[in-house]
N, C-alpha and C. Protein backbone atom coordinates (compact mmCIF):
# COMPACT_ATOMS: atom_id res chain seq x y z
N ASP A 1 0.85 -1.18 0.00
CA ASP A 1 0.00 0.00 0.00
C ASP A 1 0.89 1.24 0.00
N PRO A 2 0.86 2.05 -1.04
CA PRO A 2 1.75 3.21 -1.12
C PRO A 2 1.45 4.29 -0.10
N THR A 3 0.31 4.21 0.60
CA THR A 3 0.02 5.23 1.61
C THR A 3 0.62 4.90 2.97
N VAL A 4 1.22 3.73 3.12
CA VAL A 4 1.86 3.36 4.39
C VAL A 4 3.19 4.08 4.48
N VAL A 5 3.34 4.92 5.52
CA VAL A 5 4.57 5.68 5.70
C VAL A 5 5.44 5.12 6.81
N GLY A 6 4.88 4.23 7.61
CA GLY A 6 5.67 3.67 8.70
C GLY A 6 4.88 2.62 9.44
N ALA A 7 5.59 1.90 10.30
CA ALA A 7 4.96 0.85 11.09
C ALA A 7 5.54 0.86 12.49
N VAL A 8 4.71 0.42 13.42
CA VAL A 8 5.14 0.24 14.80
C VAL A 8 4.91 -1.22 15.13
N ALA A 9 5.90 -1.86 15.71
CA ALA A 9 5.78 -3.29 16.00
C ALA A 9 6.19 -3.57 17.44
N TRP A 10 5.38 -4.36 18.13
CA TRP A 10 5.79 -4.92 19.42
C TRP A 10 5.97 -6.39 19.17
N LEU A 11 7.21 -6.80 19.14
CA LEU A 11 7.53 -8.20 18.89
C LEU A 11 8.66 -8.62 19.81
N PRO A 12 8.68 -9.87 20.23
CA PRO A 12 9.81 -10.38 20.99
C PRO A 12 11.09 -10.24 20.16
N PRO A 13 12.25 -10.08 20.81
CA PRO A 13 13.50 -9.89 20.06
C PRO A 13 13.76 -10.92 18.97
N ALA A 14 13.49 -12.19 19.22
CA ALA A 14 13.74 -13.22 18.19
C ALA A 14 12.87 -13.01 16.96
N ALA A 15 11.61 -12.65 17.17
CA ALA A 15 10.70 -12.41 16.04
C ALA A 15 11.12 -11.16 15.28
N LEU A 16 11.56 -10.14 16.02
CA LEU A 16 12.00 -8.91 15.36
C LEU A 16 13.25 -9.17 14.53
N GLN A 17 14.14 -10.00 15.05
CA GLN A 17 15.35 -10.37 14.30
C GLN A 17 14.97 -11.02 12.97
N SER A 18 13.96 -11.88 12.98
CA SER A 18 13.51 -12.54 11.76
C SER A 18 12.84 -11.57 10.79
N LEU A 19 12.15 -10.57 11.33
CA LEU A 19 11.43 -9.60 10.52
C LEU A 19 12.35 -8.54 9.90
N ALA A 20 13.50 -8.31 10.50
CA ALA A 20 14.39 -7.23 10.08
C ALA A 20 14.70 -7.22 8.58
N PRO A 21 15.03 -8.34 7.95
CA PRO A 21 15.31 -8.31 6.50
C PRO A 21 14.11 -7.85 5.67
N LEU A 22 12.91 -8.25 6.07
CA LEU A 22 11.71 -7.82 5.35
C LEU A 22 11.49 -6.31 5.49
N VAL A 23 11.71 -5.81 6.69
CA VAL A 23 11.57 -4.36 6.93
C VAL A 23 12.54 -3.60 6.03
N GLU A 24 13.78 -4.05 6.01
CA GLU A 24 14.79 -3.35 5.20
C GLU A 24 14.46 -3.41 3.71
N SER A 25 14.00 -4.56 3.22
CA SER A 25 13.71 -4.67 1.78
C SER A 25 12.45 -3.91 1.40
N SER A 26 11.51 -3.74 2.33
CA SER A 26 10.28 -3.00 2.02
C SER A 26 10.48 -1.50 2.07
N GLU A 27 11.54 -1.06 2.74
CA GLU A 27 11.85 0.37 2.89
C GLU A 27 10.72 1.13 3.57
N VAL A 28 10.02 0.49 4.51
CA VAL A 28 8.99 1.14 5.31
C VAL A 28 9.58 1.37 6.69
N ALA A 29 9.65 2.63 7.10
CA ALA A 29 10.19 2.95 8.42
C ALA A 29 9.40 2.22 9.49
N THR A 30 10.11 1.48 10.35
CA THR A 30 9.47 0.67 11.37
C THR A 30 10.15 0.92 12.71
N VAL A 31 9.33 1.11 13.74
CA VAL A 31 9.83 1.30 15.09
C VAL A 31 9.39 0.11 15.92
N SER A 32 10.33 -0.51 16.59
CA SER A 32 10.03 -1.60 17.51
C SER A 32 9.93 -1.02 18.91
N VAL A 33 8.82 -1.26 19.57
CA VAL A 33 8.64 -0.76 20.93
C VAL A 33 8.77 -1.90 21.94
N SER A 34 9.48 -2.93 21.57
CA SER A 34 9.64 -4.08 22.46
C SER A 34 10.94 -4.05 23.23
N GLY A 35 11.75 -3.05 23.00
CA GLY A 35 13.02 -2.97 23.70
C GLY A 35 14.06 -3.94 23.19
N ALA A 36 13.99 -4.31 21.93
CA ALA A 36 14.95 -5.24 21.34
C ALA A 36 16.16 -4.47 20.83
N ALA A 37 16.94 -3.96 21.75
CA ALA A 37 18.12 -3.19 21.38
C ALA A 37 19.06 -4.04 20.54
N GLY A 38 19.71 -3.42 19.58
CA GLY A 38 20.66 -4.12 18.73
C GLY A 38 20.07 -4.67 17.45
N VAL A 39 18.75 -4.69 17.34
CA VAL A 39 18.08 -5.15 16.12
C VAL A 39 17.65 -3.89 15.37
N GLU A 40 18.58 -3.33 14.62
CA GLU A 40 18.30 -2.09 13.92
C GLU A 40 18.89 -2.12 12.53
N GLY A 41 18.43 -1.21 11.70
CA GLY A 41 18.93 -1.06 10.35
C GLY A 41 18.55 0.32 9.84
N ARG A 42 18.65 0.51 8.55
CA ARG A 42 18.30 1.81 7.97
C ARG A 42 16.83 2.15 8.19
N TYR A 43 15.94 1.15 8.10
CA TYR A 43 14.50 1.38 8.23
C TYR A 43 13.91 0.82 9.52
N LEU A 44 14.75 0.28 10.38
CA LEU A 44 14.26 -0.32 11.62
C LEU A 44 14.97 0.30 12.82
N ARG A 45 14.20 0.80 13.76
CA ARG A 45 14.74 1.38 14.99
C ARG A 45 14.06 0.75 16.19
N ALA A 46 14.82 0.52 17.23
CA ALA A 46 14.28 -0.03 18.48
C ALA A 46 14.27 1.06 19.55
N TRP A 47 13.14 1.21 20.22
CA TRP A 47 13.03 2.13 21.35
C TRP A 47 13.15 1.30 22.61
N THR A 48 13.95 1.75 23.55
CA THR A 48 14.19 0.97 24.76
C THR A 48 13.84 1.76 26.03
N MET A 49 12.99 2.73 25.94
CA MET A 49 12.59 3.51 27.10
C MET A 49 11.35 2.91 27.76
N PRO A 50 10.96 3.41 28.93
CA PRO A 50 9.74 2.87 29.57
C PRO A 50 8.53 2.95 28.65
N ARG A 51 7.65 1.99 28.79
CA ARG A 51 6.50 1.82 27.89
C ARG A 51 5.68 3.10 27.72
N SER A 52 5.32 3.76 28.81
CA SER A 52 4.48 4.95 28.69
C SER A 52 5.19 6.06 27.94
N GLN A 53 6.49 6.24 28.18
CA GLN A 53 7.25 7.27 27.47
C GLN A 53 7.37 6.95 25.99
N GLU A 54 7.63 5.69 25.66
CA GLU A 54 7.82 5.36 24.26
C GLU A 54 6.53 5.52 23.47
N VAL A 55 5.41 5.10 24.04
CA VAL A 55 4.14 5.21 23.33
C VAL A 55 3.75 6.68 23.19
N ASP A 56 3.82 7.44 24.27
CA ASP A 56 3.46 8.86 24.20
C ASP A 56 4.36 9.63 23.24
N GLY A 57 5.66 9.34 23.28
CA GLY A 57 6.60 10.02 22.38
C GLY A 57 6.36 9.66 20.93
N LEU A 58 6.10 8.40 20.67
CA LEU A 58 5.85 7.97 19.30
C LEU A 58 4.58 8.59 18.74
N VAL A 59 3.50 8.56 19.52
CA VAL A 59 2.24 9.13 19.04
C VAL A 59 2.38 10.64 18.84
N SER A 60 3.04 11.31 19.76
CA SER A 60 3.25 12.75 19.62
C SER A 60 4.02 13.06 18.33
N TYR A 61 5.07 12.29 18.06
CA TYR A 61 5.86 12.48 16.85
C TYR A 61 5.03 12.21 15.60
N MET A 62 4.28 11.11 15.59
CA MET A 62 3.50 10.76 14.41
C MET A 62 2.40 11.78 14.14
N LEU A 63 1.73 12.27 15.19
CA LEU A 63 0.66 13.26 14.99
C LEU A 63 1.21 14.64 14.68
N GLY A 64 2.23 15.07 15.41
CA GLY A 64 2.72 16.44 15.28
C GLY A 64 3.72 16.67 14.18
N THR A 65 4.64 15.75 13.99
CA THR A 65 5.72 15.95 13.02
C THR A 65 5.41 15.29 11.68
N VAL A 66 5.04 14.02 11.71
CA VAL A 66 4.76 13.30 10.47
C VAL A 66 3.37 13.66 9.95
N ARG A 67 2.47 14.04 10.86
CA ARG A 67 1.12 14.51 10.54
C ARG A 67 0.25 13.41 9.93
N VAL A 68 0.30 12.22 10.54
CA VAL A 68 -0.58 11.14 10.11
C VAL A 68 -1.72 11.01 11.10
N SER A 69 -2.84 10.50 10.61
CA SER A 69 -4.00 10.33 11.49
C SER A 69 -4.58 8.93 11.43
N ARG A 70 -4.02 8.07 10.60
CA ARG A 70 -4.45 6.66 10.53
C ARG A 70 -3.31 5.78 11.01
N PHE A 71 -3.63 4.88 11.90
CA PHE A 71 -2.61 4.01 12.45
C PHE A 71 -3.02 2.55 12.35
N ALA A 72 -2.05 1.70 12.20
CA ALA A 72 -2.25 0.26 12.35
C ALA A 72 -1.25 -0.19 13.40
N VAL A 73 -1.71 -0.94 14.36
CA VAL A 73 -0.83 -1.42 15.42
C VAL A 73 -0.76 -2.94 15.34
N LEU A 74 0.43 -3.47 15.14
CA LEU A 74 0.64 -4.91 15.12
C LEU A 74 1.12 -5.32 16.50
N TYR A 75 0.42 -6.24 17.12
CA TYR A 75 0.79 -6.62 18.49
C TYR A 75 0.43 -8.08 18.73
N PRO A 76 1.15 -8.74 19.60
CA PRO A 76 0.82 -10.12 19.91
C PRO A 76 -0.37 -10.18 20.87
N GLU A 77 -1.11 -11.25 20.82
CA GLU A 77 -2.25 -11.44 21.74
C GLU A 77 -1.72 -11.90 23.10
N THR A 78 -1.03 -10.99 23.75
CA THR A 78 -0.49 -11.24 25.08
C THR A 78 -0.88 -10.07 25.97
N GLU A 79 -0.64 -10.21 27.26
CA GLU A 79 -0.94 -9.11 28.18
C GLU A 79 -0.14 -7.86 27.82
N SER A 80 1.15 -8.03 27.52
CA SER A 80 1.98 -6.87 27.15
C SER A 80 1.54 -6.28 25.82
N GLY A 81 1.24 -7.14 24.85
CA GLY A 81 0.80 -6.64 23.55
C GLY A 81 -0.49 -5.85 23.65
N ASN A 82 -1.44 -6.35 24.42
CA ASN A 82 -2.70 -5.63 24.61
C ASN A 82 -2.49 -4.32 25.37
N ASP A 83 -1.53 -4.32 26.30
CA ASP A 83 -1.22 -3.08 27.02
C ASP A 83 -0.69 -2.02 26.06
N TYR A 84 0.21 -2.42 25.15
CA TYR A 84 0.70 -1.48 24.15
C TYR A 84 -0.44 -0.94 23.29
N LEU A 85 -1.31 -1.82 22.83
CA LEU A 85 -2.44 -1.39 22.00
C LEU A 85 -3.31 -0.39 22.76
N ASP A 86 -3.63 -0.69 24.00
CA ASP A 86 -4.46 0.21 24.81
C ASP A 86 -3.79 1.56 25.00
N ARG A 87 -2.51 1.54 25.33
CA ARG A 87 -1.78 2.81 25.54
C ARG A 87 -1.70 3.61 24.24
N PHE A 88 -1.41 2.93 23.13
CA PHE A 88 -1.30 3.63 21.85
C PHE A 88 -2.64 4.23 21.45
N SER A 89 -3.71 3.47 21.59
CA SER A 89 -5.04 3.96 21.24
C SER A 89 -5.42 5.17 22.09
N ALA A 90 -5.18 5.09 23.39
CA ALA A 90 -5.51 6.20 24.29
C ALA A 90 -4.70 7.44 23.95
N ALA A 91 -3.42 7.27 23.67
CA ALA A 91 -2.57 8.42 23.33
C ALA A 91 -3.00 9.06 22.01
N ALA A 92 -3.36 8.23 21.03
CA ALA A 92 -3.80 8.77 19.74
C ALA A 92 -5.12 9.52 19.89
N ARG A 93 -6.06 8.96 20.66
CA ARG A 93 -7.34 9.66 20.89
C ARG A 93 -7.13 10.97 21.65
N ALA A 94 -6.22 10.97 22.61
CA ALA A 94 -5.94 12.18 23.38
C ALA A 94 -5.35 13.27 22.49
N GLY A 95 -4.66 12.86 21.42
CA GLY A 95 -4.09 13.83 20.49
C GLY A 95 -5.14 14.43 19.57
N GLY A 96 -6.35 13.88 19.59
CA GLY A 96 -7.45 14.42 18.82
C GLY A 96 -7.42 14.08 17.34
N GLU A 97 -6.60 13.14 16.96
CA GLU A 97 -6.45 12.85 15.54
C GLU A 97 -6.91 11.47 15.14
N ALA A 98 -7.03 10.56 16.09
CA ALA A 98 -7.35 9.19 15.69
C ALA A 98 -8.51 8.65 16.50
């Protein structure tokens, strides 16, 4: 989809390691919020700060700087994955854009 400008992924480090080549070949900017430091490339960045800070910072950047209002969140069906989804959704709604 040519309208996709970036992706946010919460994945365990091993899964992110497997996904890294696909991210690089697709040239879609992707941020991992799972704290998988060391799994990075030109199009893949890992955030390793506390969960609330990383989600709030990411949403603020996407709404204010990148100026996007549609989001897709990929997350595992786990307690942590659902927590990320809830935090991301709440932050996006609080920004008044999503």
